[in-house]
Amino acid sequence: MLQQTKGIVLRSVRYGETSLITHIFTRTYGVQTYLVQGVRKAGVKGNKAGLLQPASLLDLVVYQKPFGNMQRIKEYQFAWIYTSLQEEIVKNSIALFSVEVLYRLLPEHAPMSDLYDFAADYFALLDRMSLAAVANFPLFFVIQCSRFLGYEIKGSFSEQTQYLNLQEGGFTDHPPLAAPFVTHEEAQLLDRLLQVSTFSELERTAMNATMRFNLLDWFIAFLHRHTQHMGPVRSLDVLRAILH
């Protein structure tokens, strides 16, 4: 049955000589796998393989079969045309990290329209923002994904609960027994970030690169404890090398 939906491309891999298998987070159907045939033919007028790059925001017309493992796309076009995200290395690295987080976190075939809307707005805003304003985007994205998926940090930072404890999943009055460890200042910063709900508030949250990545490492470890299928986030090392 033909259906219209929107989608964020998470991953595309070559299939055969001319085709792609692409994983797309759709607004209506959750993560779906699509076979796109003939899209890589050399010299074909209107070649559209470039639309299936990670983080592309698309309008889709799809053949949707209930319980199908691999679907097909009839038509697709950009829902948002990036002006800087794909050219600027910092923004592109943040985008690739963010789509990998979605790819590793999201179960297949589970509609999550609220998370989709947040993620689509996030990528469009990342494209529009100045480079000076995007350093906290990866950490904010991971926190919000966790919230939409129901993985909540317990408690809050206070004089009595100054420790961020991975084993107990939140703030405690006693230090953690195992890594990753964060300082009291970093724990307080994370507590502030957990209260942030808008990008304008995020821009006013100042931290240096060391704090940012310590908290990002902690939060990714927190997500690993909640899902068995997440696996390593390989783009994190690239992000760490270029984002300061």
C-alpha atoms as a PDB file:
ATOM      1  CA  MET A   1       0.000   0.000   0.000  1.00  0.00           C
ATOM      2  CA  LEU A   2       1.341   3.430  -0.935  1.00  0.00           C
ATOM      3  CA  GLN A   3       1.815   5.745   2.030  1.00  0.00           C
ATOM      4  CA  GLN A   4       3.293   9.199   2.590  1.00  0.00           C
ATOM      5  CA  THR A   5       5.633   9.908   5.477  1.00  0.00           C
ATOM      6  CA  LYS A   6       8.731  11.857   6.447  1.00  0.00           C
ATOM      7  CA  GLY A   7      12.098  10.338   7.258  1.00  0.00           C
ATOM      8  CA  ILE A   8      15.636  10.877   8.519  1.00  0.00           C
ATOM      9  CA  VAL A   9      18.268   8.761   6.757  1.00  0.00           C
ATOM     10  CA  LEU A  10      20.336   6.855   9.318  1.00  0.00           C
ATOM     11  CA  ARG A  11      22.515   4.624   7.161  1.00  0.00           C
ATOM     12  CA  SER A  12      22.908   3.550   3.535  1.00  0.00           C
ATOM     13  CA  VAL A  13      25.011   0.653   2.242  1.00  0.00           C
ATOM     14  CA  ARG A  14      25.680  -0.521  -1.277  1.00  0.00           C
ATOM     15  CA  TYR A  15      23.723  -3.493  -2.558  1.00  0.00           C
ATOM     16  CA  GLY A  16      24.772  -5.106  -5.796  1.00  0.00           C
ATOM     17  CA  GLU A  17      26.102  -2.943  -8.613  1.00  0.00           C
ATOM     18  CA  THR A  18      23.528  -0.170  -8.637  1.00  0.00           C
ATOM     19  CA  SER A  19      21.309  -0.324  -5.547  1.00  0.00           C
ATOM     20  CA  LEU A  20      21.306   0.767  -1.913  1.00  0.00           C
ATOM     21  CA  ILE A  21      19.870  -0.627   1.274  1.00  0.00           C
ATOM     22  CA  THR A  22      18.985   2.334   3.440  1.00  0.00           C
ATOM     23  CA  HIS A  23      17.756   2.544   7.022  1.00  0.00           C
ATOM     24  CA  ILE A  24      15.391   5.458   7.598  1.00  0.00           C
ATOM     25  CA  PHE A  25      13.769   6.706  10.791  1.00  0.00           C
ATOM     26  CA  THR A  26      10.277   7.503   9.528  1.00  0.00           C
ATOM     27  CA  ARG A  27       7.769   9.615  11.402  1.00  0.00           C
ATOM     28  CA  THR A  28       4.904   7.173  10.816  1.00  0.00           C
ATOM     29  CA  TYR A  29       6.514   3.732  10.945  1.00  0.00           C
ATOM     30  CA  GLY A  30       9.661   4.167  13.036  1.00  0.00           C
ATOM     31  CA  VAL A  31      12.921   2.725  11.704  1.00  0.00           C
ATOM     32  CA  GLN A  32      12.419   0.947   8.391  1.00  0.00           C
ATOM     33  CA  THR A  33      14.779  -0.755   5.961  1.00  0.00           C
ATOM     34  CA  TYR A  34      14.316   0.111   2.280  1.00  0.00           C
ATOM     35  CA  LEU A  35      15.767  -1.372  -0.895  1.00  0.00           C
ATOM     36  CA  VAL A  36      16.339   1.406  -3.431  1.00  0.00           C
ATOM     37  CA  GLN A  37      17.114  -0.203  -6.784  1.00  0.00           C
ATOM     38  CA  GLY A  38      19.093   1.317  -9.641  1.00  0.00           C
ATOM     39  CA  VAL A  39      19.879   4.493  -7.753  1.00  0.00           C
ATOM     40  CA  ARG A  40      23.659   4.231  -8.342  1.00  0.00           C
ATOM     41  CA  LYS A  41      23.579   3.738 -12.116  1.00  0.00           C
ATOM     42  CA  ALA A  42      26.283   5.819 -13.766  1.00  0.00           C
ATOM     43  CA  GLY A  43      25.027   8.491 -16.109  1.00  0.00           C
ATOM     44  CA  VAL A  44      21.379   8.115 -15.169  1.00  0.00           C
ATOM     45  CA  LYS A  45      19.578  11.452 -15.422  1.00  0.00           C
ATOM     46  CA  GLY A  46      18.319  12.647 -12.075  1.00  0.00           C
ATOM     47  CA  ASN A  47      20.490  10.289  -9.989  1.00  0.00           C
ATOM     48  CA  LYS A  48      19.151  10.586  -6.432  1.00  0.00           C
ATOM     49  CA  ALA A  49      21.677   8.560  -4.422  1.00  0.00           C
ATOM     50  CA  GLY A  50      22.894  11.810  -2.850  1.00  0.00           C
ATOM     51  CA  LEU A  51      19.530  12.232  -1.133  1.00  0.00           C
ATOM     52  CA  LEU A  52      20.175   9.053   0.853  1.00  0.00           C
ATOM     53  CA  GLN A  53      23.170  10.354   2.811  1.00  0.00           C
ATOM     54  CA  PRO A  54      23.015  10.075   6.621  1.00  0.00           C
ATOM     55  CA  ALA A  55      21.018  12.895   8.275  1.00  0.00           C
ATOM     56  CA  SER A  56      19.090  13.766   5.091  1.00  0.00           C
ATOM     57  CA  LEU A  57      15.546  14.913   5.882  1.00  0.00           C
ATOM     58  CA  LEU A  58      13.143  13.479   3.312  1.00  0.00           C
ATOM     59  CA  ASP A  59       9.552  13.487   2.157  1.00  0.00           C
ATOM     60  CA  LEU A  60       8.731   9.911   1.170  1.00  0.00           C
ATOM     61  CA  VAL A  61       6.146   7.935  -0.715  1.00  0.00           C
ATOM     62  CA  VAL A  62       6.654   4.273   0.220  1.00  0.00           C
ATOM     63  CA  TYR A  63       5.211   0.854  -0.445  1.00  0.00           C
ATOM     64  CA  GLN A  64       4.465  -0.168   3.133  1.00  0.00           C
ATOM     65  CA  LYS A  65       3.780  -3.837   3.798  1.00  0.00           C
ATOM     66  CA  PRO A  66       2.753  -4.847   7.330  1.00  0.00           C
ATOM     67  CA  PHE A  67       5.440  -6.937   9.030  1.00  0.00           C
ATOM     68  CA  GLY A  68       7.770  -6.651   6.022  1.00  0.00           C
ATOM     69  CA  ASN A  69      11.499  -6.802   6.795  1.00  0.00           C
ATOM     70  CA  MET A  70      12.437  -4.735   3.741  1.00  0.00           C
ATOM     71  CA  GLN A  71      10.229  -2.107   2.171  1.00  0.00           C
ATOM     72  CA  ARG A  72      10.468  -0.125  -1.075  1.00  0.00           C
ATOM     73  CA  ILE A  73      10.394   3.584  -1.851  1.00  0.00           C
ATOM     74  CA  LYS A  74       8.406   4.947  -4.773  1.00  0.00           C
ATOM     75  CA  GLU A  75       9.365   8.623  -4.489  1.00  0.00           C
ATOM     76  CA  TYR A  76      11.610  10.708  -2.255  1.00  0.00           C
ATOM     77  CA  GLN A  77      12.798  14.284  -2.137  1.00  0.00           C
ATOM     78  CA  PHE A  78      14.422  16.637   0.346  1.00  0.00           C
ATOM     79  CA  ALA A  79      12.137  17.957   3.059  1.00  0.00           C
ATOM     80  CA  TRP A  80      14.969  20.282   4.106  1.00  0.00           C
ATOM     81  CA  ILE A  81      17.945  21.329   1.978  1.00  0.00           C
ATOM     82  CA  TYR A  82      21.039  21.809   4.113  1.00  0.00           C
ATOM     83  CA  THR A  83      23.100  24.927   3.513  1.00  0.00           C
ATOM     84  CA  SER A  84      26.080  24.280   5.811  1.00  0.00           C
ATOM     85  CA  LEU A  85      25.718  20.973   7.650  1.00  0.00           C
ATOM     86  CA  GLN A  86      27.281  18.800   4.958  1.00  0.00           C
ATOM     87  CA  GLU A  87      30.162  21.194   4.176  1.00  0.00           C
ATOM     88  CA  GLU A  88      31.290  22.263   7.652  1.00  0.00           C
ATOM     89  CA  ILE A  89      33.271  19.465   9.285  1.00  0.00           C
ATOM     90  CA  VAL A  90      32.190  20.235  12.856  1.00  0.00           C
ATOM     91  CA  LYS A  91      28.484  20.292  12.030  1.00  0.00           C
ATOM     92  CA  ASN A  92      28.799  17.235   9.801  1.00  0.00           C
ATOM     93  CA  SER A  93      30.591  15.301  12.546  1.00  0.00           C
ATOM     94  CA  ILE A  94      27.870  16.242  15.049  1.00  0.00           C
ATOM     95  CA  ALA A  95      25.203  15.131  12.567  1.00  0.00           C
ATOM     96  CA  LEU A  96      26.910  11.778  11.885  1.00  0.00           C
ATOM     97  CA  PHE A  97      27.284  11.160  15.614  1.00  0.00           C
ATOM     98  CA  SER A  98      23.611  11.980  16.170  1.00  0.00           C
ATOM     99  CA  VAL A  99      22.304   9.690  13.418  1.00  0.00           C
ATOM    100  CA  GLU A 100      24.510   6.878  14.719  1.00  0.00           C
ATOM    101  CA  VAL A 101      22.990   7.336  18.183  1.00  0.00           C
ATOM    102  CA  LEU A 102      19.510   7.019  16.621  1.00  0.00           C
ATOM    103  CA  TYR A 103      20.567   4.014  14.548  1.00  0.00           C
ATOM    104  CA  ARG A 104      21.945   2.181  17.570  1.00  0.00           C
ATOM    105  CA  LEU A 105      19.229   3.163  20.043  1.00  0.00           C
ATOM    106  CA  LEU A 106      15.972   2.844  18.141  1.00  0.00           C
ATOM    107  CA  PRO A 107      14.146  -0.461  17.776  1.00  0.00           C
ATOM    108  CA  GLU A 108      12.846  -1.262  14.306  1.00  0.00           C
ATOM    109  CA  HIS A 109       9.208  -0.724  13.341  1.00  0.00           C
ATOM    110  CA  ALA A 110       8.352   1.273  16.495  1.00  0.00           C
ATOM    111  CA  PRO A 111       6.678   4.622  15.667  1.00  0.00           C
ATOM    112  CA  MET A 112       8.030   7.484  17.786  1.00  0.00           C
ATOM    113  CA  SER A 113       6.604  10.645  16.256  1.00  0.00           C
ATOM    114  CA  ASP A 114       7.600  12.928  19.157  1.00  0.00           C
ATOM    115  CA  LEU A 115      11.231  11.822  18.968  1.00  0.00           C
ATOM    116  CA  TYR A 116      11.109  12.133  15.178  1.00  0.00           C
ATOM    117  CA  ASP A 117       9.838  15.732  15.398  1.00  0.00           C
ATOM    118  CA  PHE A 118      12.543  16.645  17.907  1.00  0.00           C
ATOM    119  CA  ALA A 119      15.283  15.050  15.788  1.00  0.00           C
ATOM    120  CA  ALA A 120      14.123  16.703  12.540  1.00  0.00           C
ATOM    121  CA  ASP A 121      14.056  20.130  14.245  1.00  0.00           C
ATOM    122  CA  TYR A 122      17.479  19.397  15.758  1.00  0.00           C
ATOM    123  CA  PHE A 123      19.142  18.691  12.394  1.00  0.00           C
ATOM    124  CA  ALA A 124      17.514  21.704  10.730  1.00  0.00           C
ATOM    125  CA  LEU A 125      18.642  23.971  13.584  1.00  0.00           C
ATOM    126  CA  LEU A 126      22.151  22.477  13.572  1.00  0.00           C
ATOM    127  CA  ASP A 127      22.305  23.491   9.907  1.00  0.00           C
ATOM    128  CA  ARG A 128      21.241  27.076  10.664  1.00  0.00           C
ATOM    129  CA  MET A 129      23.227  27.764  13.847  1.00  0.00           C
ATOM    130  CA  SER A 130      26.661  29.366  13.974  1.00  0.00           C
ATOM    131  CA  LEU A 131      29.588  27.075  14.754  1.00  0.00           C
ATOM    132  CA  ALA A 132      30.115  28.851  18.070  1.00  0.00           C
ATOM    133  CA  ALA A 133      26.658  27.747  19.254  1.00  0.00           C
ATOM    134  CA  VAL A 134      26.675  23.998  18.499  1.00  0.00           C
ATOM    135  CA  ALA A 135      29.278  22.532  20.868  1.00  0.00           C
ATOM    136  CA  ASN A 136      26.674  21.283  23.358  1.00  0.00           C
ATOM    137  CA  PHE A 137      24.371  19.810  20.678  1.00  0.00           C
ATOM    138  CA  PRO A 138      25.665  16.185  20.891  1.00  0.00           C
ATOM    139  CA  LEU A 139      25.225  15.968  24.671  1.00  0.00           C
ATOM    140  CA  PHE A 140      21.804  17.627  24.521  1.00  0.00           C
ATOM    141  CA  PHE A 141      20.740  15.239  21.745  1.00  0.00           C
ATOM    142  CA  VAL A 142      21.743  12.148  23.746  1.00  0.00           C
ATOM    143  CA  ILE A 143      19.930  13.440  26.843  1.00  0.00           C
ATOM    144  CA  GLN A 144      16.749  14.136  24.899  1.00  0.00           C
ATOM    145  CA  CYS A 145      16.825  10.764  23.113  1.00  0.00           C
ATOM    146  CA  SER A 146      17.152   9.094  26.497  1.00  0.00           C
ATOM    147  CA  ARG A 147      14.175  11.048  27.784  1.00  0.00           C
ATOM    148  CA  PHE A 148      11.954  10.181  24.805  1.00  0.00           C
ATOM    149  CA  LEU A 149      12.875   6.505  25.193  1.00  0.00           C
ATOM    150  CA  GLY A 150      12.036   6.523  28.895  1.00  0.00           C
ATOM    151  CA  TYR A 151      15.543   6.234  30.328  1.00  0.00           C
ATOM    152  CA  GLU A 152      15.512   8.742  33.167  1.00  0.00           C
ATOM    153  CA  ILE A 153      18.290   9.798  35.554  1.00  0.00           C
ATOM    154  CA  LYS A 154      17.245   9.295  39.165  1.00  0.00           C
ATOM    155  CA  GLY A 155      17.255  12.218  41.588  1.00  0.00           C
ATOM    156  CA  SER A 156      19.043  15.548  41.212  1.00  0.00           C
ATOM    157  CA  PHE A 157      22.236  17.272  42.315  1.00  0.00           C
ATOM    158  CA  SER A 158      22.260  18.738  45.828  1.00  0.00           C
ATOM    159  CA  GLU A 159      24.630  19.222  48.738  1.00  0.00           C
ATOM    160  CA  GLN A 160      23.584  15.793  49.947  1.00  0.00           C
ATOM    161  CA  THR A 161      23.649  14.066  46.517  1.00  0.00           C
ATOM    162  CA  GLN A 162      26.769  15.341  44.786  1.00  0.00           C
ATOM    163  CA  TYR A 163      27.817  12.096  43.127  1.00  0.00           C
ATOM    164  CA  LEU A 164      26.733  10.919  39.682  1.00  0.00           C
ATOM    165  CA  ASN A 165      26.572   7.173  40.060  1.00  0.00           C
ATOM    166  CA  LEU A 166      26.299   4.999  36.932  1.00  0.00           C
ATOM    167  CA  GLN A 167      25.645   1.815  38.892  1.00  0.00           C
ATOM    168  CA  GLU A 168      22.589   3.349  40.554  1.00  0.00           C
ATOM    169  CA  GLY A 169      21.545   5.392  37.520  1.00  0.00           C
ATOM    170  CA  GLY A 170      21.485   8.817  39.140  1.00  0.00           C
ATOM    171  CA  PHE A 171      22.656  11.195  41.866  1.00  0.00           C
ATOM    172  CA  THR A 172      23.661   9.670  45.203  1.00  0.00           C
ATOM    173  CA  ASP A 173      25.191  10.648  48.545  1.00  0.00           C
ATOM    174  CA  HIS A 174      28.082   8.207  48.085  1.00  0.00           C
ATOM    175  CA  PRO A 175      30.743   7.927  45.370  1.00  0.00           C
ATOM    176  CA  PRO A 176      30.458   5.363  42.558  1.00  0.00           C
ATOM    177  CA  LEU A 177      32.510   2.184  42.769  1.00  0.00           C
ATOM    178  CA  ALA A 178      33.419   1.988  39.080  1.00  0.00           C
ATOM    179  CA  ALA A 179      34.132   4.230  36.079  1.00  0.00           C
ATOM    180  CA  PRO A 180      33.132   6.403  34.368  1.00  0.00           C
ATOM    181  CA  PHE A 181      33.636   9.054  37.024  1.00  0.00           C
ATOM    182  CA  VAL A 182      32.698  12.736  36.833  1.00  0.00           C
ATOM    183  CA  THR A 183      33.538  15.620  39.142  1.00  0.00           C
ATOM    184  CA  HIS A 184      31.018  17.367  41.392  1.00  0.00           C
ATOM    185  CA  GLU A 185      31.102  20.356  39.027  1.00  0.00           C
ATOM    186  CA  GLU A 186      30.323  18.112  36.049  1.00  0.00           C
ATOM    187  CA  ALA A 187      27.528  16.392  37.951  1.00  0.00           C
ATOM    188  CA  GLN A 188      26.012  19.782  38.714  1.00  0.00           C
ATOM    189  CA  LEU A 189      26.281  20.740  35.035  1.00  0.00           C
ATOM    190  CA  LEU A 190      24.489  17.580  33.978  1.00  0.00           C
ATOM    191  CA  ASP A 191      21.724  18.316  36.466  1.00  0.00           C
ATOM    192  CA  ARG A 192      21.309  21.739  34.830  1.00  0.00           C
ATOM    193  CA  LEU A 193      21.235  20.167  31.360  1.00  0.00           C
ATOM    194  CA  LEU A 194      18.538  17.746  32.473  1.00  0.00           C
ATOM    195  CA  GLN A 195      16.326  20.776  33.131  1.00  0.00           C
ATOM    196  CA  VAL A 196      16.985  22.337  29.708  1.00  0.00           C
ATOM    197  CA  SER A 197      14.120  21.885  27.265  1.00  0.00           C
ATOM    198  CA  THR A 198      14.873  24.418  24.511  1.00  0.00           C
ATOM    199  CA  PHE A 199      17.845  25.136  22.266  1.00  0.00           C
ATOM    200  CA  SER A 200      17.980  28.754  23.457  1.00  0.00           C
ATOM    201  CA  GLU A 201      18.493  27.547  27.044  1.00  0.00           C
ATOM    202  CA  LEU A 202      21.166  25.148  25.809  1.00  0.00           C
ATOM    203  CA  GLU A 203      23.160  27.988  24.256  1.00  0.00           C
ATOM    204  CA  ARG A 204      23.423  29.656  27.678  1.00  0.00           C
ATOM    205  CA  THR A 205      24.935  26.541  29.317  1.00  0.00           C
ATOM    206  CA  ALA A 206      28.704  27.007  29.340  1.00  0.00           C
ATOM    207  CA  MET A 207      31.225  24.181  29.717  1.00  0.00           C
ATOM    208  CA  ASN A 208      34.654  23.323  28.361  1.00  0.00           C
ATOM    209  CA  ALA A 209      35.504  20.395  26.075  1.00  0.00           C
ATOM    210  CA  THR A 210      36.765  18.173  28.898  1.00  0.00           C
ATOM    211  CA  MET A 211      33.539  18.547  30.870  1.00  0.00           C
ATOM    212  CA  ARG A 212      31.443  18.064  27.748  1.00  0.00           C
ATOM    213  CA  PHE A 213      33.071  14.770  26.770  1.00  0.00           C
ATOM    214  CA  ASN A 214      33.246  13.442  30.331  1.00  0.00           C
ATOM    215  CA  LEU A 215      29.483  13.899  30.566  1.00  0.00           C
ATOM    216  CA  LEU A 216      28.923  12.493  27.082  1.00  0.00           C
ATOM    217  CA  ASP A 217      30.971   9.392  27.956  1.00  0.00           C
ATOM    218  CA  TRP A 218      28.981   8.990  31.163  1.00  0.00           C
ATOM    219  CA  PHE A 219      25.624   9.339  29.435  1.00  0.00           C
ATOM    220  CA  ILE A 220      26.502   6.891  26.661  1.00  0.00           C
ATOM    221  CA  ALA A 221      27.592   4.401  29.323  1.00  0.00           C
ATOM    222  CA  PHE A 222      24.238   5.030  31.048  1.00  0.00           C
ATOM    223  CA  LEU A 223      22.394   4.188  27.815  1.00  0.00           C
ATOM    224  CA  HIS A 224      24.477   1.043  27.345  1.00  0.00           C
ATOM    225  CA  ARG A 225      23.167  -0.171  30.703  1.00  0.00           C
ATOM    226  CA  HIS A 226      19.565   0.235  29.522  1.00  0.00           C
ATOM    227  CA  THR A 227      19.700  -1.408  26.105  1.00  0.00           C
ATOM    228  CA  GLN A 228      21.342  -4.627  24.999  1.00  0.00           C
ATOM    229  CA  HIS A 229      21.574  -3.735  21.300  1.00  0.00           C
ATOM    230  CA  MET A 230      23.227  -0.320  21.347  1.00  0.00           C
ATOM    231  CA  GLY A 231      26.828  -1.329  20.639  1.00  0.00           C
ATOM    232  CA  PRO A 232      29.797   1.058  20.426  1.00  0.00           C
ATOM    233  CA  VAL A 233      29.224   4.549  19.013  1.00  0.00           C
ATOM    234  CA  ARG A 234      32.127   4.632  16.564  1.00  0.00           C
ATOM    235  CA  SER A 235      31.689   8.262  15.481  1.00  0.00           C
ATOM    236  CA  LEU A 236      32.373   9.458  19.033  1.00  0.00           C
ATOM    237  CA  ASP A 237      36.152   9.289  18.505  1.00  0.00           C
ATOM    238  CA  VAL A 238      35.878  11.497  15.410  1.00  0.00           C
ATOM    239  CA  LEU A 239      33.685  13.948  17.307  1.00  0.00           C
ATOM    240  CA  ARG A 240      36.167  14.041  20.168  1.00  0.00           C
ATOM    241  CA  ALA A 241      38.997  14.871  17.752  1.00  0.00           C
ATOM    242  CA  ILE A 242      37.320  17.858  16.071  1.00  0.00           C
ATOM    243  CA  LEU A 243      34.940  19.371  18.634  1.00  0.00           C
ATOM    244  CA  HIS A 244      36.583  21.671  21.172  1.00  0.00           C
END
